Amino acid sequence: MRARRATLPARQRLDAGNALAQQLALLPIVESAQTLAGYFACTGELPLHEVPGLCRARDLDYLLPVLGRGRGLRFARWQTGASLLSNRYGIPEPDVAEAELLAPEHLDIVLVPLLAFERGGMRLGSGGGFYDASFAMLQRVRRPARPWLCGVAYAFQEVDSAHPALQAQPWDVRLDAVLTDRETILCAQDPACTTG
């Protein structure tokens, strides 16, 4: 999947990012949200270049993940053009004071990057376990619950639920939905989240 993502032409990536933002804008859950966390796309991940503008138009705070010590993520408000620093993996993250960081449980919607997914909400991440560790509190509550976890992927990243890489582990946190460049897949059937 990494190799296929990395070889996508720039125009196809931009078109996919535009399509994703249009689908995101149609989700009713966006209307009641105050915060939406994205990510800075790297290694061919589906870009979120339209999402900060969508957040501004909807009066939502847009946030990006910031690595802490260990495997926990915290999140910082960010606007296009604001200062970024590279973290220990070379991924840009907001350059903000520690006191400005939000804990994962204070978010409404989180757009989660992934390598592969299946329609039941299982995902294969990049292998660090950062999102599973950061959102482990969702394993103890009835889902869907805030924060609402929405995977982001190209349609070709979907695999069968029997795929060995997606066999559930005790630490895995399922997604509530997946947005691809072609469709919105609701993994947790919450009436507040459905379109139409």
N, C-alpha and C. Protein backbone atom coordinates (compact mmCIF):
# COMPACT_ATOMS: atom_id res chain seq x y z
N MET A 1 0.82 -1.20 0.00
CA MET A 1 0.00 0.00 0.00
C MET A 1 0.87 1.26 0.00
N ARG A 2 1.94 1.23 0.79
CA ARG A 2 2.81 2.41 0.84
C ARG A 2 3.35 2.74 -0.55
N ALA A 3 3.82 1.72 -1.25
CA ALA A 3 4.41 1.93 -2.58
C ALA A 3 3.36 2.47 -3.56
N ARG A 4 2.17 1.91 -3.53
CA ARG A 4 1.13 2.37 -4.44
C ARG A 4 0.73 3.81 -4.15
N ARG A 5 0.59 4.13 -2.85
CA ARG A 5 0.26 5.51 -2.46
C ARG A 5 1.33 6.48 -2.94
N ALA A 6 2.59 6.09 -2.75
CA ALA A 6 3.71 6.98 -3.07
C ALA A 6 3.83 7.27 -4.56
N THR A 7 3.29 6.39 -5.41
CA THR A 7 3.42 6.59 -6.86
C THR A 7 2.23 7.32 -7.47
N LEU A 8 1.25 7.70 -6.67
CA LEU A 8 0.09 8.42 -7.22
C LEU A 8 0.53 9.79 -7.75
N PRO A 9 0.07 10.18 -8.93
CA PRO A 9 0.39 11.51 -9.45
C PRO A 9 -0.19 12.60 -8.54
N ALA A 10 0.48 13.74 -8.51
CA ALA A 10 0.06 14.86 -7.66
C ALA A 10 -1.39 15.26 -7.94
N ARG A 11 -1.79 15.30 -9.20
CA ARG A 11 -3.16 15.71 -9.55
C ARG A 11 -4.18 14.76 -8.93
N GLN A 12 -3.89 13.46 -8.96
CA GLN A 12 -4.80 12.47 -8.39
C GLN A 12 -4.91 12.65 -6.87
N ARG A 13 -3.80 12.95 -6.22
CA ARG A 13 -3.82 13.20 -4.77
C ARG A 13 -4.66 14.43 -4.44
N LEU A 14 -4.44 15.50 -5.19
CA LEU A 14 -5.20 16.73 -4.94
C LEU A 14 -6.69 16.52 -5.18
N ASP A 15 -7.04 15.82 -6.26
CA ASP A 15 -8.45 15.52 -6.54
C ASP A 15 -9.06 14.69 -5.41
N ALA A 16 -8.30 13.73 -4.91
CA ALA A 16 -8.78 12.89 -3.80
C ALA A 16 -9.01 13.74 -2.55
N GLY A 17 -8.11 14.66 -2.27
CA GLY A 17 -8.27 15.55 -1.12
C GLY A 17 -9.49 16.45 -1.26
N ASN A 18 -9.75 16.93 -2.48
CA ASN A 18 -10.94 17.74 -2.72
C ASN A 18 -12.21 16.93 -2.49
N ALA A 19 -12.24 15.70 -3.01
CA ALA A 19 -13.41 14.82 -2.85
C ALA A 19 -13.64 14.50 -1.38
N LEU A 20 -12.58 14.25 -0.65
CA LEU A 20 -12.71 13.95 0.77
C LEU A 20 -13.33 15.13 1.52
N ALA A 21 -12.87 16.34 1.25
CA ALA A 21 -13.41 17.52 1.94
C ALA A 21 -14.90 17.69 1.64
N GLN A 22 -15.31 17.41 0.40
CA GLN A 22 -16.73 17.52 0.06
C GLN A 22 -17.56 16.51 0.85
N GLN A 23 -17.06 15.29 0.99
CA GLN A 23 -17.79 14.28 1.76
C GLN A 23 -17.84 14.63 3.24
N LEU A 24 -16.73 15.12 3.75
CA LEU A 24 -16.67 15.52 5.16
C LEU A 24 -17.69 16.62 5.45
N ALA A 25 -17.81 17.57 4.54
CA ALA A 25 -18.75 18.68 4.73
C ALA A 25 -20.20 18.21 4.80
N LEU A 26 -20.51 17.05 4.23
CA LEU A 26 -21.88 16.53 4.23
C LEU A 26 -22.25 15.76 5.49
N LEU A 27 -21.30 15.45 6.32
CA LEU A 27 -21.58 14.67 7.53
C LEU A 27 -22.28 15.53 8.58
N PRO A 28 -23.46 15.13 9.02
CA PRO A 28 -24.17 15.91 10.04
C PRO A 28 -23.37 16.11 11.32
N ILE A 29 -22.49 15.18 11.67
CA ILE A 29 -21.71 15.32 12.90
C ILE A 29 -20.82 16.56 12.88
N VAL A 30 -20.46 17.01 11.68
CA VAL A 30 -19.63 18.21 11.56
C VAL A 30 -20.39 19.44 12.07
N GLU A 31 -21.71 19.44 11.90
CA GLU A 31 -22.52 20.59 12.33
C GLU A 31 -22.47 20.81 13.84
N SER A 32 -22.34 19.75 14.61
CA SER A 32 -22.35 19.89 16.07
C SER A 32 -20.94 19.91 16.67
N ALA A 33 -19.93 19.76 15.84
CA ALA A 33 -18.55 19.71 16.33
C ALA A 33 -18.00 21.11 16.58
N GLN A 34 -17.04 21.17 17.48
CA GLN A 34 -16.29 22.40 17.72
C GLN A 34 -14.82 22.24 17.36
N THR A 35 -14.34 20.97 17.38
CA THR A 35 -12.95 20.69 17.05
C THR A 35 -12.87 19.55 16.05
N LEU A 36 -11.92 19.67 15.13
CA LEU A 36 -11.66 18.62 14.15
C LEU A 36 -10.15 18.50 14.02
N ALA A 37 -9.63 17.32 14.30
CA ALA A 37 -8.19 17.08 14.19
C ALA A 37 -7.89 16.35 12.89
N GLY A 38 -6.90 16.82 12.19
CA GLY A 38 -6.45 16.17 10.97
C GLY A 38 -5.04 15.66 11.14
N TYR A 39 -4.28 15.69 10.07
CA TYR A 39 -2.88 15.28 10.11
C TYR A 39 -2.17 15.96 8.96
N PHE A 40 -0.88 16.04 9.03
CA PHE A 40 -0.07 16.58 7.95
C PHE A 40 0.33 15.40 7.06
N ALA A 41 -0.23 15.33 5.87
CA ALA A 41 -0.03 14.18 4.99
C ALA A 41 1.44 14.02 4.59
N CYS A 42 1.93 12.80 4.72
CA CYS A 42 3.29 12.48 4.28
C CYS A 42 3.28 11.04 3.76
N THR A 43 4.33 10.65 3.12
CA THR A 43 4.49 9.31 2.54
C THR A 43 3.27 8.87 1.71
N GLY A 44 2.72 9.81 0.95
CA GLY A 44 1.62 9.48 0.05
C GLY A 44 0.25 9.43 0.68
N GLU A 45 0.12 9.79 1.96
CA GLU A 45 -1.20 9.79 2.60
C GLU A 45 -2.14 10.74 1.86
N LEU A 46 -3.43 10.45 1.94
CA LEU A 46 -4.42 11.31 1.30
C LEU A 46 -4.34 12.70 1.92
N PRO A 47 -4.12 13.74 1.11
CA PRO A 47 -3.92 15.08 1.66
C PRO A 47 -5.22 15.71 2.17
N LEU A 48 -5.07 16.52 3.19
CA LEU A 48 -6.21 17.21 3.80
C LEU A 48 -6.16 18.71 3.53
N HIS A 49 -5.61 19.11 2.38
CA HIS A 49 -5.39 20.53 2.09
C HIS A 49 -6.66 21.38 2.12
N GLU A 50 -7.82 20.81 1.87
CA GLU A 50 -9.07 21.57 1.88
C GLU A 50 -9.73 21.62 3.26
N VAL A 51 -9.30 20.76 4.17
CA VAL A 51 -9.97 20.65 5.47
C VAL A 51 -9.79 21.88 6.35
N PRO A 52 -8.60 22.51 6.43
CA PRO A 52 -8.51 23.72 7.25
C PRO A 52 -9.48 24.82 6.80
N GLY A 53 -9.67 24.97 5.49
CA GLY A 53 -10.62 25.96 4.98
C GLY A 53 -12.06 25.60 5.34
N LEU A 54 -12.40 24.32 5.26
CA LEU A 54 -13.72 23.86 5.67
C LEU A 54 -13.95 24.18 7.14
N CYS A 55 -12.94 23.95 7.95
CA CYS A 55 -13.06 24.25 9.39
C CYS A 55 -13.27 25.74 9.63
N ARG A 56 -12.52 26.58 8.92
CA ARG A 56 -12.71 28.04 9.06
C ARG A 56 -14.14 28.43 8.69
N ALA A 57 -14.63 27.89 7.59
CA ALA A 57 -15.98 28.22 7.13
C ALA A 57 -17.06 27.77 8.11
N ARG A 58 -16.80 26.70 8.85
CA ARG A 58 -17.78 26.15 9.80
C ARG A 58 -17.49 26.59 11.24
N ASP A 59 -16.52 27.46 11.42
CA ASP A 59 -16.13 27.94 12.75
C ASP A 59 -15.69 26.80 13.67
N LEU A 60 -14.93 25.86 13.09
CA LEU A 60 -14.36 24.74 13.85
C LEU A 60 -12.88 25.01 14.08
N ASP A 61 -12.38 24.61 15.23
CA ASP A 61 -10.94 24.64 15.46
C ASP A 61 -10.33 23.44 14.74
N TYR A 62 -9.31 23.69 13.92
CA TYR A 62 -8.58 22.63 13.23
C TYR A 62 -7.30 22.36 14.01
N LEU A 63 -7.04 21.09 14.28
CA LEU A 63 -5.88 20.71 15.07
C LEU A 63 -5.03 19.67 14.35
N LEU A 64 -3.76 19.64 14.70
CA LEU A 64 -2.83 18.64 14.19
C LEU A 64 -2.21 17.90 15.37
N PRO A 65 -1.83 16.63 15.17
CA PRO A 65 -1.23 15.87 16.27
C PRO A 65 0.19 16.34 16.58
N VAL A 66 0.53 16.23 17.85
CA VAL A 66 1.88 16.55 18.34
C VAL A 66 2.34 15.35 19.16
N LEU A 67 3.50 14.82 18.83
CA LEU A 67 4.04 13.68 19.57
C LEU A 67 4.47 14.11 20.96
N GLY A 68 4.10 13.30 21.91
CA GLY A 68 4.58 13.51 23.27
C GLY A 68 5.64 12.48 23.58
N ARG A 69 5.91 12.33 24.84
CA ARG A 69 6.81 11.26 25.26
C ARG A 69 6.04 9.94 25.14
N GLY A 70 6.73 8.88 24.83
CA GLY A 70 6.04 7.60 24.67
C GLY A 70 5.24 7.58 23.39
N ARG A 71 4.05 6.96 23.45
CA ARG A 71 3.23 6.80 22.25
C ARG A 71 1.98 7.66 22.27
N GLY A 72 1.85 8.56 23.20
CA GLY A 72 0.66 9.39 23.27
C GLY A 72 0.72 10.59 22.35
N LEU A 73 -0.41 10.91 21.76
CA LEU A 73 -0.55 12.12 20.95
C LEU A 73 -1.34 13.15 21.73
N ARG A 74 -0.97 14.39 21.54
CA ARG A 74 -1.81 15.50 21.95
C ARG A 74 -2.01 16.35 20.71
N PHE A 75 -2.87 17.33 20.78
CA PHE A 75 -3.27 18.05 19.58
C PHE A 75 -3.18 19.55 19.79
N ALA A 76 -2.76 20.25 18.72
CA ALA A 76 -2.59 21.70 18.78
C ALA A 76 -3.40 22.36 17.67
N ARG A 77 -4.04 23.47 18.01
CA ARG A 77 -4.75 24.25 17.00
C ARG A 77 -3.74 24.74 15.97
N TRP A 78 -4.19 24.75 14.71
CA TRP A 78 -3.29 25.16 13.64
C TRP A 78 -4.10 25.79 12.52
N GLN A 79 -3.53 26.84 11.93
CA GLN A 79 -4.12 27.48 10.75
C GLN A 79 -3.08 27.47 9.64
N THR A 80 -3.55 27.40 8.41
CA THR A 80 -2.66 27.41 7.26
C THR A 80 -1.69 28.58 7.37
N GLY A 81 -0.42 28.29 7.19
CA GLY A 81 0.61 29.32 7.25
C GLY A 81 1.27 29.47 8.62
N ALA A 82 0.67 28.88 9.65
CA ALA A 82 1.26 28.98 10.99
C ALA A 82 2.51 28.11 11.07
N SER A 83 3.36 28.43 12.01
CA SER A 83 4.66 27.78 12.16
C SER A 83 4.53 26.27 12.45
N LEU A 84 5.42 25.51 11.83
CA LEU A 84 5.50 24.06 12.03
C LEU A 84 6.95 23.68 12.32
N LEU A 85 7.13 22.64 13.10
CA LEU A 85 8.44 22.04 13.36
C LEU A 85 8.37 20.57 13.01
N SER A 86 9.49 19.98 12.61
CA SER A 86 9.51 18.54 12.34
C SER A 86 9.70 17.77 13.64
N ASN A 87 8.88 16.73 13.83
CA ASN A 87 9.03 15.90 15.03
C ASN A 87 10.14 14.87 14.80
N ARG A 88 10.28 13.93 15.72
CA ARG A 88 11.39 12.96 15.64
C ARG A 88 11.29 12.03 14.43
N TYR A 89 10.13 12.00 13.77
CA TYR A 89 9.97 11.19 12.56
C TYR A 89 10.01 12.05 11.29
N GLY A 90 10.27 13.34 11.45
CA GLY A 90 10.31 14.24 10.31
C GLY A 90 8.96 14.73 9.86
N ILE A 91 7.92 14.49 10.65
CA ILE A 91 6.56 14.92 10.30
C ILE A 91 6.32 16.31 10.90
N PRO A 92 5.86 17.27 10.09
CA PRO A 92 5.59 18.60 10.62
C PRO A 92 4.47 18.59 11.66
N GLU A 93 4.66 19.36 12.71
CA GLU A 93 3.62 19.53 13.73
C GLU A 93 3.67 20.97 14.22
N PRO A 94 2.56 21.48 14.77
CA PRO A 94 2.51 22.87 15.20
C PRO A 94 3.58 23.20 16.24
N ASP A 95 4.12 24.40 16.10
CA ASP A 95 5.12 24.91 17.03
C ASP A 95 4.39 25.74 18.09
N VAL A 96 3.92 25.07 19.14
CA VAL A 96 3.15 25.75 20.19
C VAL A 96 3.68 25.37 21.56
N ALA A 97 3.32 26.18 22.53
CA ALA A 97 3.71 25.90 23.92
C ALA A 97 2.96 24.68 24.44
N GLU A 98 3.58 23.97 25.34
CA GLU A 98 3.00 22.78 25.96
C GLU A 98 1.60 23.06 26.52
N ALA A 99 1.40 24.22 27.10
CA ALA A 99 0.12 24.57 27.72
C ALA A 99 -1.02 24.69 26.71
N GLU A 100 -0.69 24.83 25.43
CA GLU A 100 -1.72 24.98 24.40
C GLU A 100 -2.20 23.64 23.82
N LEU A 101 -1.59 22.54 24.22
CA LEU A 101 -1.94 21.23 23.67
C LEU A 101 -3.21 20.68 24.30
N LEU A 102 -4.04 20.05 23.47
CA LEU A 102 -5.28 19.42 23.94
C LEU A 102 -5.10 17.91 24.02
N ALA A 103 -5.68 17.32 25.04
CA ALA A 103 -5.68 15.86 25.18
C ALA A 103 -6.71 15.27 24.21
N PRO A 104 -6.51 14.03 23.77
CA PRO A 104 -7.41 13.41 22.79
C PRO A 104 -8.89 13.42 23.19
N GLU A 105 -9.17 13.27 24.47
CA GLU A 105 -10.57 13.21 24.90
C GLU A 105 -11.31 14.54 24.76
N HIS A 106 -10.61 15.62 24.44
CA HIS A 106 -11.25 16.92 24.27
C HIS A 106 -11.59 17.23 22.82
N LEU A 107 -11.43 16.26 21.93
CA LEU A 107 -11.70 16.46 20.51
C LEU A 107 -13.08 15.95 20.15
N ASP A 108 -13.64 16.49 19.08
CA ASP A 108 -14.94 16.02 18.59
C ASP A 108 -14.79 15.03 17.43
N ILE A 109 -13.99 15.39 16.43
CA ILE A 109 -13.78 14.55 15.26
C ILE A 109 -12.27 14.44 15.03
N VAL A 110 -11.82 13.23 14.73
CA VAL A 110 -10.40 13.00 14.44
C VAL A 110 -10.28 12.27 13.11
N LEU A 111 -9.58 12.87 12.17
CA LEU A 111 -9.29 12.23 10.89
C LEU A 111 -7.99 11.45 11.07
N VAL A 112 -8.08 10.14 10.85
CA VAL A 112 -6.99 9.22 11.18
C VAL A 112 -6.35 8.68 9.90
N PRO A 113 -5.04 8.88 9.71
CA PRO A 113 -4.38 8.29 8.54
C PRO A 113 -4.25 6.78 8.71
N LEU A 114 -4.14 6.06 7.60
CA LEU A 114 -4.01 4.61 7.69
C LEU A 114 -3.38 4.03 6.43
N LEU A 115 -2.95 2.78 6.54
CA LEU A 115 -2.41 2.05 5.39
C LEU A 115 -3.46 1.18 4.73
N ALA A 116 -4.32 0.57 5.55
CA ALA A 116 -5.38 -0.31 5.04
C ALA A 116 -6.53 -0.29 6.03
N PHE A 117 -7.73 -0.62 5.53
CA PHE A 117 -8.92 -0.65 6.39
C PHE A 117 -9.90 -1.68 5.86
N GLU A 118 -10.85 -2.03 6.73
CA GLU A 118 -11.99 -2.85 6.31
C GLU A 118 -13.25 -2.17 6.82
N ARG A 119 -14.39 -2.50 6.25
CA ARG A 119 -15.63 -1.78 6.49
C ARG A 119 -16.16 -1.87 7.92
N GLY A 120 -15.66 -2.79 8.69
CA GLY A 120 -16.09 -2.89 10.08
C GLY A 120 -15.35 -1.95 11.02
N GLY A 121 -14.39 -1.18 10.49
CA GLY A 121 -13.70 -0.18 11.30
C GLY A 121 -12.30 -0.55 11.75
N MET A 122 -11.83 -1.74 11.38
CA MET A 122 -10.44 -2.08 11.71
C MET A 122 -9.52 -1.38 10.72
N ARG A 123 -8.37 -0.94 11.22
CA ARG A 123 -7.41 -0.24 10.37
C ARG A 123 -6.01 -0.75 10.64
N LEU A 124 -5.18 -0.62 9.65
CA LEU A 124 -3.76 -0.87 9.79
C LEU A 124 -3.10 0.49 9.69
N GLY A 125 -2.43 0.90 10.75
CA GLY A 125 -1.74 2.19 10.75
C GLY A 125 -0.32 2.04 10.26
N SER A 126 0.51 2.96 10.67
CA SER A 126 1.91 2.95 10.24
C SER A 126 2.80 2.11 11.15
N GLY A 127 2.23 1.55 12.19
CA GLY A 127 2.99 0.64 13.02
C GLY A 127 3.45 1.17 14.36
N GLY A 128 3.24 2.45 14.63
CA GLY A 128 3.70 3.02 15.89
C GLY A 128 2.72 2.87 17.04
N GLY A 129 1.46 2.62 16.72
CA GLY A 129 0.44 2.48 17.75
C GLY A 129 0.02 3.79 18.41
N PHE A 130 0.37 4.92 17.80
CA PHE A 130 0.08 6.22 18.41
C PHE A 130 -1.41 6.50 18.55
N TYR A 131 -2.19 6.22 17.50
CA TYR A 131 -3.62 6.50 17.57
C TYR A 131 -4.32 5.52 18.52
N ASP A 132 -3.97 4.25 18.46
CA ASP A 132 -4.58 3.28 19.39
C ASP A 132 -4.27 3.65 20.84
N ALA A 133 -3.04 4.02 21.13
CA ALA A 133 -2.67 4.39 22.50
C ALA A 133 -3.38 5.67 22.93
N SER A 134 -3.48 6.63 22.03
CA SER A 134 -4.08 7.92 22.38
C SER A 134 -5.58 7.86 22.57
N PHE A 135 -6.24 6.94 21.87
CA PHE A 135 -7.70 6.85 21.95
C PHE A 135 -8.17 5.57 22.63
N ALA A 136 -7.32 4.97 23.43
CA ALA A 136 -7.67 3.74 24.15
C ALA A 136 -8.89 3.93 25.03
N MET A 137 -9.15 5.15 25.50
CA MET A 137 -10.31 5.40 26.37
C MET A 137 -11.62 5.05 25.66
N LEU A 138 -11.61 5.03 24.32
CA LEU A 138 -12.83 4.69 23.58
C LEU A 138 -13.17 3.21 23.66
N GLN A 139 -12.25 2.38 24.09
CA GLN A 139 -12.54 0.95 24.26
C GLN A 139 -13.44 0.72 25.47
N ARG A 140 -13.52 1.68 26.36
CA ARG A 140 -14.29 1.51 27.60
C ARG A 140 -15.67 2.16 27.55
N VAL A 141 -16.04 2.71 26.41
CA VAL A 141 -17.34 3.39 26.31
C VAL A 141 -18.13 2.82 25.15
N ARG A 142 -19.44 3.02 25.22
CA ARG A 142 -20.31 2.59 24.11
C ARG A 142 -20.02 3.49 22.92
N ARG A 143 -19.82 2.88 21.76
CA ARG A 143 -19.50 3.64 20.56
C ARG A 143 -20.73 3.77 19.69
N PRO A 144 -20.83 4.79 18.87
CA PRO A 144 -19.85 5.86 18.74
C PRO A 144 -19.92 6.83 19.92
N ALA A 145 -18.81 7.42 20.21
CA ALA A 145 -18.68 8.40 21.28
C ALA A 145 -17.67 9.44 20.82
N ARG A 146 -17.69 10.57 21.47
CA ARG A 146 -16.69 11.59 21.14
C ARG A 146 -15.38 11.23 21.81
N PRO A 147 -14.27 11.40 21.15
CA PRO A 147 -14.12 11.85 19.78
C PRO A 147 -14.51 10.76 18.77
N TRP A 148 -15.06 11.23 17.67
CA TRP A 148 -15.50 10.37 16.58
C TRP A 148 -14.30 10.13 15.68
N LEU A 149 -13.89 8.88 15.51
CA LEU A 149 -12.69 8.54 14.73
C LEU A 149 -13.06 8.19 13.30
N CYS A 150 -12.51 8.94 12.38
CA CYS A 150 -12.81 8.77 10.96
C CYS A 150 -11.52 8.52 10.19
N GLY A 151 -11.36 7.29 9.71
CA GLY A 151 -10.19 6.97 8.91
C GLY A 151 -10.22 7.70 7.58
N VAL A 152 -9.05 7.96 7.03
CA VAL A 152 -8.93 8.64 5.74
C VAL A 152 -8.04 7.79 4.85
N ALA A 153 -8.56 7.45 3.66
CA ALA A 153 -7.81 6.55 2.78
C ALA A 153 -8.27 6.70 1.34
N TYR A 154 -7.42 6.26 0.44
CA TYR A 154 -7.84 6.08 -0.94
C TYR A 154 -8.68 4.81 -0.99
N ALA A 155 -9.61 4.73 -1.92
CA ALA A 155 -10.48 3.56 -2.02
C ALA A 155 -9.68 2.27 -2.19
N PHE A 156 -8.55 2.33 -2.88
CA PHE A 156 -7.77 1.10 -3.11
C PHE A 156 -7.13 0.55 -1.83
N GLN A 157 -7.19 1.30 -0.74
CA GLN A 157 -6.61 0.82 0.52
C GLN A 157 -7.56 -0.09 1.30
N GLU A 158 -8.78 -0.28 0.77
CA GLU A 158 -9.71 -1.19 1.43
C GLU A 158 -9.30 -2.63 1.18
N VAL A 159 -9.36 -3.45 2.24
CA VAL A 159 -9.06 -4.88 2.14
C VAL A 159 -10.20 -5.65 2.78
N ASP A 160 -10.24 -6.94 2.51
CA ASP A 160 -11.25 -7.82 3.09
C ASP A 160 -11.04 -7.94 4.60
N SER A 161 -12.12 -8.10 5.33
CA SER A 161 -12.03 -8.19 6.80
C SER A 161 -11.24 -9.41 7.26
N ALA A 162 -11.05 -10.39 6.38
CA ALA A 162 -10.28 -11.59 6.74
C ALA A 162 -8.77 -11.39 6.52
N HIS A 163 -8.38 -10.23 6.04
CA HIS A 163 -6.96 -9.97 5.78
C HIS A 163 -6.17 -10.14 7.08
N PRO A 164 -5.08 -10.91 7.06
CA PRO A 164 -4.34 -11.19 8.30
C PRO A 164 -3.81 -9.95 9.02
N ALA A 165 -3.50 -8.90 8.29
CA ALA A 165 -2.98 -7.69 8.93
C ALA A 165 -4.04 -6.96 9.74
N LEU A 166 -5.32 -7.28 9.50
CA LEU A 166 -6.40 -6.58 10.18
C LEU A 166 -7.11 -7.43 11.23
N GLN A 167 -6.48 -8.47 11.68
CA GLN A 167 -7.07 -9.27 12.76
C GLN A 167 -6.98 -8.46 14.05
N ALA A 168 -8.11 -8.30 14.71
CA ALA A 168 -8.19 -7.43 15.89
C ALA A 168 -7.27 -7.89 17.01
N GLN A 169 -6.58 -6.92 17.58
CA GLN A 169 -5.73 -7.13 18.75
C GLN A 169 -6.39 -6.41 19.93
N PRO A 170 -6.09 -6.80 21.16
CA PRO A 170 -6.75 -6.19 22.32
C PRO A 170 -6.59 -4.67 22.40
N TRP A 171 -5.53 -4.13 21.85
CA TRP A 171 -5.27 -2.69 21.93
C TRP A 171 -5.87 -1.90 20.77
N ASP A 172 -6.41 -2.57 19.77
CA ASP A 172 -6.94 -1.88 18.59
C ASP A 172 -8.20 -1.08 18.94
N VAL A 173 -8.26 0.14 18.44
CA VAL A 173 -9.44 0.99 18.59
C VAL A 173 -10.07 1.10 17.21
N ARG A 174 -11.32 0.67 17.10
CA ARG A 174 -12.02 0.70 15.81
C ARG A 174 -12.38 2.13 15.41
N LEU A 175 -12.48 2.31 14.10
CA LEU A 175 -12.93 3.58 13.53
C LEU A 175 -14.45 3.63 13.55
N ASP A 176 -14.99 4.84 13.61
CA ASP A 176 -16.43 5.03 13.49
C ASP A 176 -16.85 5.14 12.02
N ALA A 177 -15.93 5.61 11.19
CA ALA A 177 -16.21 5.79 9.76
C ALA A 177 -14.89 5.83 9.01
N VAL A 178 -14.99 5.69 7.69
CA VAL A 178 -13.84 5.89 6.81
C VAL A 178 -14.30 6.77 5.66
N LEU A 179 -13.54 7.81 5.38
CA LEU A 179 -13.77 8.64 4.20
C LEU A 179 -12.70 8.27 3.18
N THR A 180 -13.15 7.92 1.98
CA THR A 180 -12.19 7.66 0.90
C THR A 180 -12.41 8.71 -0.17
N ASP A 181 -11.63 8.62 -1.21
CA ASP A 181 -11.79 9.53 -2.34
C ASP A 181 -13.06 9.23 -3.12
N ARG A 182 -13.77 8.13 -2.77
CA ARG A 182 -14.98 7.75 -3.51
C ARG A 182 -16.25 7.68 -2.68
N GLU A 183 -16.11 7.44 -1.36
CA GLU A 183 -17.33 7.23 -0.56
C GLU A 183 -17.07 7.45 0.92
N THR A 184 -18.18 7.56 1.64
CA THR A 184 -18.17 7.59 3.09
C THR A 184 -18.68 6.24 3.58
N ILE A 185 -17.89 5.59 4.41
CA ILE A 185 -18.25 4.28 4.96
C ILE A 185 -18.49 4.45 6.45
N LEU A 186 -19.72 4.19 6.88
CA LEU A 186 -20.05 4.30 8.30
C LEU A 186 -19.86 2.94 8.95
N CYS A 187 -18.91 2.87 9.84
CA CYS A 187 -18.60 1.61 10.53
C CYS A 187 -19.47 1.45 11.77
N ALA A 188 -19.79 2.55 12.42
CA ALA A 188 -20.66 2.57 13.59
C ALA A 188 -21.92 3.31 13.18
N GLN A 189 -23.02 2.65 13.20
CA GLN A 189 -24.26 3.24 12.69
C GLN A 189 -24.93 4.14 13.73
N ASP A 190 -24.50 5.37 13.77
CA ASP A 190 -25.05 6.38 14.65
C ASP A 190 -25.87 7.34 13.79
N PRO A 191 -27.17 7.54 14.08
CA PRO A 191 -27.99 8.43 13.26
C PRO A 191 -27.41 9.84 13.15
N ALA A 192 -26.66 10.30 14.14
CA ALA A 192 -26.08 11.64 14.09
C ALA A 192 -24.95 11.73 13.08
N CYS A 193 -24.47 10.59 12.62
CA CYS A 193 -23.31 10.56 11.73
C CYS A 193 -23.68 10.27 10.29
N THR A 194 -24.86 9.80 10.03
CA THR A 194 -25.20 9.37 8.67
C THR A 194 -25.55 10.55 7.78
N THR A 195 -25.36 10.36 6.49
CA THR A 195 -25.70 11.39 5.51
C THR A 195 -27.07 11.09 4.93
N GLY A 196 -27.66 12.13 4.34
CA GLY A 196 -28.92 11.95 3.64
C GLY A 196 -30.02 11.92 4.54
